[in-house]
Each structure stands twice: as C-alpha cells, then as structure tokens.
Amino acid sequence: MTTMQMNAELFRELSVIAEDEGMMEKALKALRRITSARKKAMSKNVELVEDETELPESFKRIRGMGVIAQEDIDNDERLAYILSK
C-alpha cells in the first residue's frame, strides 16, 4: 500500500468516528503514542534506513544470531541478496 493510499484509508476510517468525541479522543491518543515513540527513537539516534542497500549498524551487530541453512539462501534470491550485504 502506498503512502497516499494509507493516508486516504486513515481519513476514511476517521470519517466513520468523526462525530463520536470519545472515539476521536481514543484515536488521537493512539496517534500521539505512535508519534511520541517515533520522536523518542529519533532522540536516541536510532538509525533509519534511507537507502535499503545499506543496513544500519544496529542490524550489523546482530548478524549471525539466526541460523539459516546455505540451501535456504541458495533457493531464495531475496535472502541471498540481503545476506550478501
């Protein structure tokens, strides 16, 4: 789903509850929690992936923690691409 489609869907869903003050308050609280969490993450210098070809340092540190068979990598082009980075 594109950003524009998600935006349209968000407003469609909000229009359903627009006349219910209590529901709108709940929706606002939920959105504020989401934006607050994002702001907090940004203030802690959490890396956001701008270029998908480069993994954030935090991902690089946890490489090797999962077990993936070479056969799985050979059979999945996406997995091979991701793990070759």
Protein backbone atom coordinates (compact mmCIF):
# COMPACT_ATOMS: atom_id res chain seq x y z
CA MET A 1 0.00 0.00 0.00
CA THR A 2 1.40 3.38 -0.96
CA THR A 3 1.62 6.33 1.41
CA MET A 4 -1.18 8.10 -0.46
CA GLN A 5 -3.41 5.02 -0.20
CA MET A 6 -2.68 4.68 3.53
CA ASN A 7 -3.43 8.38 4.02
CA ALA A 8 -6.76 8.00 2.23
CA GLU A 9 -7.60 4.89 4.26
CA LEU A 10 -6.72 6.68 7.51
CA PHE A 11 -9.09 9.54 6.68
CA ARG A 12 -11.83 7.12 5.60
CA GLU A 13 -11.56 5.35 8.95
CA LEU A 14 -11.54 8.67 10.83
CA SER A 15 -14.64 9.82 9.00
CA VAL A 16 -16.52 6.84 10.46
CA ILE A 17 -15.87 8.05 14.01
CA ALA A 18 -15.72 11.80 13.33
CA GLU A 19 -18.95 12.56 15.16
CA ASP A 20 -18.09 10.46 18.23
CA GLU A 21 -15.99 12.61 20.54
CA GLY A 22 -14.92 9.67 22.71
CA MET A 23 -13.73 7.62 19.77
CA MET A 24 -11.88 10.59 18.29
CA GLU A 25 -10.10 11.10 21.63
CA LYS A 26 -9.03 7.44 21.59
CA ALA A 27 -7.77 7.79 18.02
CA LEU A 28 -5.82 10.92 18.92
CA LYS A 29 -4.26 9.22 21.94
CA ALA A 30 -3.21 6.27 19.80
CA LEU A 31 -1.66 8.54 17.16
CA ARG A 32 0.11 10.58 19.83
CA ARG A 33 1.56 7.37 21.31
CA ILE A 34 2.89 6.42 17.88
CA THR A 35 4.39 9.84 17.18
CA SER A 36 5.80 10.05 20.70
CA ALA A 37 7.53 6.69 20.27
CA ARG A 38 8.99 7.83 16.95
CA LYS A 39 10.22 11.10 18.44
CA LYS A 40 11.77 9.19 21.34
CA ALA A 41 13.53 6.83 18.94
CA MET A 42 14.79 9.76 16.89
CA SER A 43 16.14 11.47 20.00
CA LYS A 44 18.08 8.31 20.86
CA ASN A 45 19.75 8.48 17.44
CA VAL A 46 18.06 5.36 16.15
CA GLU A 47 19.19 4.88 12.60
CA LEU A 48 16.51 4.96 9.93
CA VAL A 49 17.20 3.16 6.69
CA GLU A 50 17.18 5.72 3.90
CA ASP A 51 18.99 3.54 1.39
CA GLU A 52 17.78 -0.05 1.51
CA THR A 53 21.08 -1.30 0.16
CA GLU A 54 22.83 -0.40 3.43
CA LEU A 55 21.91 -1.99 6.75
CA PRO A 56 22.00 0.12 9.91
CA GLU A 57 24.87 -0.57 12.29
CA SER A 58 22.41 -1.97 14.85
CA PHE A 59 21.42 -4.69 12.34
CA LYS A 60 25.03 -5.48 11.52
CA ARG A 61 25.76 -6.11 15.21
CA ILE A 62 23.13 -8.86 15.39
CA ARG A 63 24.14 -10.66 12.20
CA GLY A 64 24.81 -14.32 12.78
CA MET A 65 22.34 -14.69 15.64
CA GLY A 66 19.89 -16.64 13.48
CA VAL A 67 20.57 -19.92 11.77
CA ILE A 68 19.87 -20.07 8.05
CA ALA A 69 20.93 -23.06 6.00
CA GLN A 70 23.01 -22.40 2.89
CA GLU A 71 20.38 -24.32 0.93
CA ASP A 72 17.74 -21.77 2.02
CA ILE A 73 19.97 -18.93 0.85
CA ASP A 74 20.68 -20.63 -2.49
CA ASN A 75 16.96 -21.21 -3.11
CA ASP A 76 15.79 -17.68 -2.25
CA GLU A 77 17.10 -14.79 -4.36
CA ARG A 78 15.84 -12.17 -1.89
CA LEU A 79 17.52 -13.87 1.04
CA ALA A 80 20.76 -14.24 -0.92
CA TYR A 81 20.66 -10.54 -1.83
CA ILE A 82 20.03 -9.42 1.75
CA LEU A 83 22.73 -11.64 3.22
CA SER A 84 25.28 -10.58 0.62
CA LYS A 85 25.27 -7.03 2.00
